[in-house]
N, C-alpha and C. Protein backbone atom coordinates (compact mmCIF):
# COMPACT_ATOMS: atom_id res chain seq x y z
N MET A 1 278.99 187.90 88.60
CA MET A 1 279.39 188.71 89.43
C MET A 1 278.61 188.10 90.97
N ILE A 2 279.96 188.29 92.22
CA ILE A 2 279.75 188.09 93.32
C ILE A 2 279.50 189.10 94.04
N MET A 3 278.91 188.91 94.72
CA MET A 3 277.74 189.57 95.72
C MET A 3 278.59 189.83 97.04
N LYS A 4 278.86 191.02 97.63
CA LYS A 4 279.50 190.74 98.87
C LYS A 4 278.79 190.46 100.20
N THR A 5 279.33 190.26 101.31
CA THR A 5 278.59 189.53 102.75
C THR A 5 278.44 191.02 102.91
N ILE A 6 277.16 191.15 104.00
CA ILE A 6 277.55 191.97 105.28
C ILE A 6 278.33 192.64 105.82
N PRO A 7 279.08 191.55 106.86
CA PRO A 7 280.54 192.01 107.05
C PRO A 7 281.28 192.48 105.84
N ASP A 8 281.58 190.86 104.64
CA ASP A 8 282.48 192.04 104.13
C ASP A 8 282.57 193.19 103.79
N LEU A 9 281.31 193.84 103.41
CA LEU A 9 281.10 195.36 103.03
C LEU A 9 281.61 196.27 104.21
N ALA A 10 280.95 195.59 105.87
CA ALA A 10 281.31 196.31 106.63
C ALA A 10 283.00 196.52 107.15
N MET A 11 283.34 195.29 106.98
CA MET A 11 285.15 195.87 107.05
C MET A 11 285.86 196.63 106.12
N GLU A 12 285.16 196.67 104.97
CA GLU A 12 286.31 197.45 103.49
C GLU A 12 285.71 198.74 104.28
N ILE A 13 284.38 199.49 104.65
CA ILE A 13 284.48 199.95 105.11
C ILE A 13 284.85 200.81 106.31
N LEU A 14 284.79 200.14 107.49
CA LEU A 14 285.74 200.50 108.55
C LEU A 14 287.01 200.73 108.17
N SER A 15 287.54 199.59 107.42
CA SER A 15 289.00 200.15 106.80
C SER A 15 289.57 201.27 106.15
N ARG A 16 288.60 201.95 105.65
CA ARG A 16 288.55 203.21 105.23
C ARG A 16 288.53 204.07 105.94
N SER A 17 287.99 204.11 106.85
CA SER A 17 287.37 205.17 108.08
C SER A 17 288.50 205.31 108.68
N PHE A 18 288.63 206.90 108.95
CA PHE A 18 289.94 207.52 109.64
C PHE A 18 289.92 206.74 111.00
N THR A 19 288.64 206.51 112.09
CA THR A 19 288.80 206.03 112.64
C THR A 19 288.24 204.32 113.09
N PRO A 20 288.52 204.07 113.95
CA PRO A 20 288.46 202.78 113.81
C PRO A 20 287.21 201.50 114.22
N ALA A 21 286.02 202.80 114.52
CA ALA A 21 284.80 202.21 114.92
C ALA A 21 283.46 203.55 114.45
N LEU A 22 282.34 203.17 114.13
CA LEU A 22 281.48 204.17 113.32
C LEU A 22 280.48 203.97 113.87
N PRO A 23 279.09 204.53 114.01
CA PRO A 23 278.39 204.50 114.88
C PRO A 23 277.40 203.44 114.08
N LEU A 24 276.43 202.58 114.71
CA LEU A 24 275.51 202.00 114.21
C LEU A 24 274.79 202.52 112.73
N PRO A 25 273.99 203.72 113.20
CA PRO A 25 273.39 204.07 111.81
C PRO A 25 274.04 204.80 110.58
N ARG A 26 275.35 205.27 111.10
CA ARG A 26 276.06 206.26 110.41
C ARG A 26 277.25 204.26 109.23
N LEU A 27 277.37 203.43 109.70
CA LEU A 27 277.90 202.11 109.34
C LEU A 27 276.25 201.44 108.34
N VAL A 28 275.18 201.59 109.16
CA VAL A 28 274.09 201.02 107.72
C VAL A 28 273.77 201.84 107.00
N GLU A 29 273.72 202.97 106.91
CA GLU A 29 273.82 203.86 106.19
C GLU A 29 274.45 203.98 104.38
N LEU A 30 275.86 203.47 105.13
CA LEU A 30 277.33 203.44 104.38
C LEU A 30 276.91 202.11 103.51
N ILE A 31 276.50 201.05 103.99
CA ILE A 31 276.27 199.63 103.71
C ILE A 31 275.07 199.75 102.61
N ARG A 32 273.95 200.18 103.40
CA ARG A 32 273.22 200.23 102.01
C ARG A 32 273.63 200.76 101.27
N ASP A 33 274.77 202.18 101.11
CA ASP A 33 275.35 202.91 100.16
C ASP A 33 275.75 202.00 99.13
N GLU A 34 276.45 201.21 99.35
CA GLU A 34 277.50 200.08 98.85
C GLU A 34 276.62 198.87 98.36
N SER A 35 275.51 198.52 99.01
CA SER A 35 274.93 196.85 99.22
C SER A 35 274.62 197.04 97.10
N THR A 36 274.70 195.83 96.86
CA THR A 36 273.97 195.63 95.56
C THR A 36 272.97 194.94 95.71
N GLY A 37 272.51 194.57 96.82
CA GLY A 37 271.52 194.03 96.84
C GLY A 37 270.11 194.18 97.34
N PRO A 38 268.60 193.81 97.71
CA PRO A 38 267.88 194.26 98.11
C PRO A 38 268.11 194.74 99.79
N VAL A 39 267.31 196.19 99.64
CA VAL A 39 267.63 196.62 101.02
C VAL A 39 267.79 195.88 102.26
N VAL A 40 268.72 196.05 103.28
CA VAL A 40 268.90 195.38 104.72
C VAL A 40 268.31 196.09 106.00
N SER A 41 267.79 195.40 106.66
CA SER A 41 267.54 195.75 107.98
C SER A 41 269.11 196.36 109.42
N VAL A 42 268.45 197.38 109.94
CA VAL A 42 269.21 197.30 111.01
C VAL A 42 269.85 196.17 112.21
N GLU A 43 268.29 195.81 112.04
CA GLU A 43 268.36 193.97 112.78
C GLU A 43 269.49 193.40 112.06
N GLN A 44 269.27 193.03 110.98
CA GLN A 44 269.89 192.44 110.29
C GLN A 44 271.39 192.13 110.20
N ILE A 45 271.84 193.23 109.80
CA ILE A 45 272.94 194.04 110.01
C ILE A 45 273.59 193.63 111.27
N LEU A 46 273.24 193.79 112.47
CA LEU A 46 273.90 193.99 113.76
C LEU A 46 274.15 192.36 113.78
N THR A 47 272.85 192.08 113.62
CA THR A 47 272.99 190.21 113.78
C THR A 47 273.91 189.37 112.73
N GLU A 48 273.63 190.10 111.53
CA GLU A 48 275.86 189.17 110.85
C GLU A 48 276.59 190.21 111.49
N ILE A 49 276.83 191.01 111.72
CA ILE A 49 277.92 191.65 111.90
C ILE A 49 278.27 191.11 114.10
N ARG A 50 277.38 191.15 114.66
CA ARG A 50 277.65 189.85 116.22
C ARG A 50 278.00 188.42 115.75
N MET A 51 278.27 187.95 114.37
CA MET A 51 278.02 186.79 113.89
C MET A 51 279.76 186.56 113.87
N ARG A 52 279.87 187.67 113.51
CA ARG A 52 281.89 187.33 113.12
C ARG A 52 282.70 188.02 114.70
N PRO A 53 282.71 187.59 115.58
CA PRO A 53 283.01 188.58 116.54
C PRO A 53 284.82 188.50 117.04
N ASP A 54 285.41 188.08 115.45
CA ASP A 54 286.73 187.56 114.99
C ASP A 54 286.67 189.02 114.54
N LEU A 55 285.65 189.88 113.69
CA LEU A 55 285.93 190.77 113.09
C LEU A 55 285.88 192.38 113.54
N PHE A 56 284.69 192.02 114.13
CA PHE A 56 284.05 193.22 114.69
C PHE A 56 283.55 192.98 116.54
N ARG A 57 283.19 194.23 117.09
CA ARG A 57 283.02 194.36 118.25
C ARG A 57 281.76 195.45 118.51
N VAL A 58 281.01 195.28 119.21
CA VAL A 58 279.40 196.07 118.99
C VAL A 58 279.77 196.48 120.29
N LEU A 59 279.51 197.68 120.48
CA LEU A 59 279.92 198.31 121.63
C LEU A 59 278.64 199.36 122.33
N ASP A 60 277.75 199.37 123.50
CA ASP A 60 276.73 199.32 122.96
C ASP A 60 276.51 200.18 124.65
N PRO A 61 276.89 201.68 124.79
CA PRO A 61 276.77 202.84 125.66
C PRO A 61 275.92 202.58 126.88
N ILE A 62 274.80 202.08 126.64
CA ILE A 62 273.69 201.88 127.30
C ILE A 62 273.24 200.38 127.52
N ILE A 63 273.63 199.46 128.90
CA ILE A 63 273.69 198.42 129.12
C ILE A 63 272.97 198.29 130.89
N GLY A 64 272.64 197.16 130.65
CA GLY A 64 272.44 196.60 132.15
C GLY A 64 270.68 197.47 132.52
N PRO A 65 271.53 198.48 133.99
CA PRO A 65 269.90 198.46 134.27
C PRO A 65 269.61 200.08 133.70
N TRP A 66 270.75 200.81 132.91
CA TRP A 66 270.14 202.05 132.07
C TRP A 66 269.71 201.42 130.90
N ARG A 67 269.38 200.43 130.41
CA ARG A 67 268.70 200.48 129.24
C ARG A 67 267.27 200.44 129.89
N ARG A 68 266.22 200.63 129.09
CA ARG A 68 265.09 201.22 129.13
C ARG A 68 264.21 199.90 129.54
N ALA A 69 263.18 199.82 130.69
CA ALA A 69 262.98 198.60 130.96
C ALA A 69 261.87 197.90 130.13
N THR A 70 260.81 198.97 128.94
CA THR A 70 260.15 198.53 128.08
C THR A 70 260.77 197.85 126.81
N ALA A 71 261.94 197.97 126.83
CA ALA A 71 262.56 197.57 125.27
C ALA A 71 262.67 196.15 125.54
N LYS A 72 262.75 196.06 123.82
CA LYS A 72 262.73 194.37 123.74
C LYS A 72 264.39 194.15 123.47
N GLU A 73 264.25 192.72 123.88
CA GLU A 73 265.95 192.32 123.81
C GLU A 73 266.59 192.41 122.60
N ASN A 74 267.69 193.61 122.39
CA ASN A 74 268.38 193.61 121.43
C ASN A 74 267.85 194.97 120.61
N GLU A 75 266.57 195.60 121.25
CA GLU A 75 266.37 196.88 121.18
C GLU A 75 266.72 197.79 120.98
N ILE A 76 267.23 198.66 120.27
CA ILE A 76 268.05 200.45 120.47
C ILE A 76 266.91 201.17 120.18
N PRO A 77 266.52 201.46 122.56
CA PRO A 77 265.55 202.41 122.13
C PRO A 77 265.96 203.83 121.72
N PRO A 78 265.03 204.56 120.60
CA PRO A 78 265.10 205.82 120.44
C PRO A 78 265.71 206.36 120.77
N TRP A 79 265.83 206.86 122.19
CA TRP A 79 266.44 207.77 122.65
C TRP A 79 267.84 207.63 123.18
N SER A 80 268.50 206.32 123.06
CA SER A 80 270.17 206.50 123.42
C SER A 80 270.63 206.68 122.29
N PRO A 81 271.96 206.43 123.28
CA PRO A 81 273.54 207.29 122.48
C PRO A 81 273.72 206.12 121.49
N ASP A 82 274.07 205.97 120.05
CA ASP A 82 274.03 205.76 119.43
C ASP A 82 275.21 204.20 119.59
N THR A 83 274.93 202.53 119.15
CA THR A 83 275.42 202.21 119.21
C THR A 83 276.76 201.91 118.80
N TRP A 84 277.65 201.39 118.57
CA TRP A 84 279.07 201.11 117.91
C TRP A 84 279.93 200.17 117.40
N VAL A 85 280.28 200.35 116.41
CA VAL A 85 280.62 199.00 115.55
C VAL A 85 282.25 199.30 115.40
N LEU A 86 283.03 198.70 116.24
CA LEU A 86 284.77 198.44 116.00
C LEU A 86 285.17 197.68 114.99
N GLY A 87 285.67 198.00 114.23
CA GLY A 87 286.05 197.62 113.30
C GLY A 87 287.47 195.91 113.97
N LEU A 88 287.77 194.89 113.61
CA LEU A 88 288.66 194.42 114.76
C LEU A 88 290.06 194.31 113.68
N GLY A 89 289.74 194.70 111.90
CA GLY A 89 291.07 194.09 111.16
C GLY A 89 292.12 195.02 110.68
N PRO A 90 292.72 195.04 110.33
CA PRO A 90 293.87 196.08 110.19
C PRO A 90 293.26 197.11 109.31
N ALA A 91 293.57 198.46 109.34
CA ALA A 91 292.99 199.55 109.35
C ALA A 91 293.89 199.68 107.76
N ASN A 92 293.56 200.35 106.98
CA ASN A 92 294.50 201.13 105.41
C ASN A 92 295.35 202.56 106.36
N SER A 93 296.48 202.36 106.13
CA SER A 93 297.56 203.08 106.75
C SER A 93 297.65 203.87 106.20
N THR A 94 296.90 204.72 104.85
CA THR A 94 297.34 205.61 104.47
C THR A 94 296.79 207.27 105.34
N GLY A 95 297.21 208.56 105.54
CA GLY A 95 297.53 209.07 106.09
C GLY A 95 298.94 209.65 106.83
N SER A 96 298.81 210.43 107.79
CA SER A 96 299.79 210.43 108.88
C SER A 96 300.15 209.66 109.68
N PRO A 97 301.27 209.51 110.04
CA PRO A 97 302.12 208.41 110.95
C PRO A 97 300.96 208.22 112.55
N VAL A 98 300.70 209.97 112.87
CA VAL A 98 300.04 210.37 114.05
C VAL A 98 298.78 209.84 113.97
N ARG A 99 298.17 209.49 113.35
CA ARG A 99 296.59 210.01 113.12
C ARG A 99 296.28 208.51 112.35
N THR A 100 297.35 207.65 111.91
CA THR A 100 297.78 206.27 111.97
C THR A 100 297.74 205.16 113.09
N ARG A 101 298.58 205.78 114.41
CA ARG A 101 299.06 205.21 115.09
C ARG A 101 297.75 205.52 116.41
N THR A 102 297.30 206.85 116.74
CA THR A 102 296.34 206.79 117.43
C THR A 102 295.18 206.14 117.04
N SER A 103 294.67 205.79 115.64
CA SER A 103 293.73 205.02 115.55
C SER A 103 294.38 203.66 115.30
N GLU A 104 295.24 203.34 115.74
CA GLU A 104 295.50 201.86 116.28
C GLU A 104 295.55 201.43 117.57
N SER A 105 295.81 202.52 118.51
CA SER A 105 295.63 202.61 120.02
C SER A 105 294.47 202.45 120.66
N LEU A 106 293.17 203.42 119.64
CA LEU A 106 292.14 203.22 119.80
C LEU A 106 291.04 201.77 119.53
N ARG A 107 291.84 201.31 118.77
CA ARG A 107 291.21 199.90 118.14
C ARG A 107 291.51 198.85 119.31
N CYS A 108 293.06 198.55 119.79
CA CYS A 108 293.36 198.27 121.13
C CYS A 108 293.12 198.21 122.05
N LEU A 109 292.60 199.38 122.66
CA LEU A 109 291.63 199.90 123.63
C LEU A 109 290.13 199.31 123.64
N GLY A 110 289.90 199.42 122.38
CA GLY A 110 288.47 199.35 121.98
C GLY A 110 288.07 197.63 122.16
N ARG A 111 289.56 197.03 121.68
CA ARG A 111 289.03 195.61 121.83
C ARG A 111 289.36 194.85 123.53
N ARG A 112 289.80 195.33 124.38
CA ARG A 112 289.63 195.27 125.92
C ARG A 112 289.07 195.90 126.55
N VAL A 113 288.11 196.92 125.90
CA VAL A 113 286.80 197.50 126.95
C VAL A 113 286.29 196.21 127.30
N ASP A 114 285.67 196.63 129.14
CA ASP A 114 284.76 196.42 129.75
C ASP A 114 283.13 196.20 129.14
N GLU A 115 283.08 195.55 127.78
CA GLU A 115 281.52 196.33 127.18
C GLU A 115 279.93 195.42 128.25
N ASN A 116 280.61 195.49 129.42
CA ASN A 116 279.67 195.37 130.64
C ASN A 116 279.50 196.10 131.77
N SER A 117 280.36 197.46 131.26
CA SER A 117 280.71 198.44 132.25
C SER A 117 279.88 199.60 131.12
N ALA A 118 279.57 200.48 131.35
CA ALA A 118 278.41 201.31 130.93
C ALA A 118 279.55 202.65 130.91
N THR A 119 280.34 202.89 131.99
CA THR A 119 280.98 203.73 132.22
C THR A 119 282.53 203.47 131.24
N ALA A 120 282.96 202.49 130.72
CA ALA A 120 283.87 201.80 130.60
C ALA A 120 283.29 202.18 128.98
N VAL A 121 282.46 201.80 128.36
CA VAL A 121 282.39 202.08 126.75
C VAL A 121 281.91 203.95 127.10
N ALA A 122 281.71 203.99 127.52
CA ALA A 122 281.60 206.26 127.81
C ALA A 122 283.07 206.41 127.83
N ARG A 123 283.47 206.40 128.38
CA ARG A 123 285.07 206.91 128.55
C ARG A 123 285.09 206.35 127.37
N TRP A 124 285.93 205.42 126.61
CA TRP A 124 286.14 204.87 125.43
C TRP A 124 285.88 205.71 124.13
N LEU A 125 284.48 205.99 124.34
CA LEU A 125 283.79 206.71 123.15
C LEU A 125 284.21 207.92 123.07
N VAL A 126 284.65 209.09 124.78
CA VAL A 126 285.01 210.01 124.56
C VAL A 126 286.43 209.58 124.10
N LEU A 127 287.23 209.13 124.54
CA LEU A 127 288.35 208.63 123.73
C LEU A 127 288.57 209.04 122.06
N LEU A 128 288.02 208.13 121.75
CA LEU A 128 287.25 208.62 120.21
C LEU A 128 287.15 209.82 119.73
N ASP A 129 286.01 210.39 120.67
CA ASP A 129 285.43 211.29 120.15
C ASP A 129 286.88 212.62 120.13
N ARG A 130 287.64 212.15 120.86
CA ARG A 130 288.72 213.49 120.75
C ARG A 130 289.71 212.30 119.66
N GLY A 131 290.03 211.75 119.23
CA GLY A 131 290.59 210.51 118.66
C GLY A 131 291.12 211.53 116.99
N PRO A 132 291.96 210.07 116.06
CA PRO A 132 292.74 210.52 115.37
C PRO A 132 291.69 211.54 113.94
N ASN A 133 290.85 211.57 114.12
CA ASN A 133 289.64 212.72 113.43
C ASN A 133 289.50 214.59 113.76
N ARG A 134 290.00 214.70 114.61
CA ARG A 134 289.93 215.64 115.41
C ARG A 134 291.51 216.37 115.35
N ARG A 135 291.02 217.68 115.12
CA ARG A 135 291.91 218.54 114.74
C ARG A 135 292.47 218.97 115.93
N ALA A 136 292.90 220.06 116.24
CA ALA A 136 294.22 220.06 117.71
C ALA A 136 293.74 221.60 117.58
N ALA A 137 292.95 222.05 118.66
CA ALA A 137 292.37 224.00 118.52
C ALA A 137 293.01 224.68 118.57
């Protein structure tokens, strides 16, 4: 039996998701549920995902001067909003055409968002929150 790598599992999970991105804690939970190997840490998962910029984009809403001064490099402070992982591969196109189109539009915008701008990332997260998984009121 061939063990899947962390990036392989993450791509499968993101391709099945209704949204093109997932918060890092949720993605870690799903990877741990589907993994057959030893339990991996959040840092290890994040490191392996960041090593594949062709498949993923990691968007952190708290950057630059907004990051707590006492936080270590690449540490996620406990009070911060979640870091999000965007899958850049093709998504599963099952479901309504509107949901698929919205999801692909959010993926395209996520590819182009300025990751060095907390405001740009926050705006993209608002669009994601209002995206394909939300029902009309």
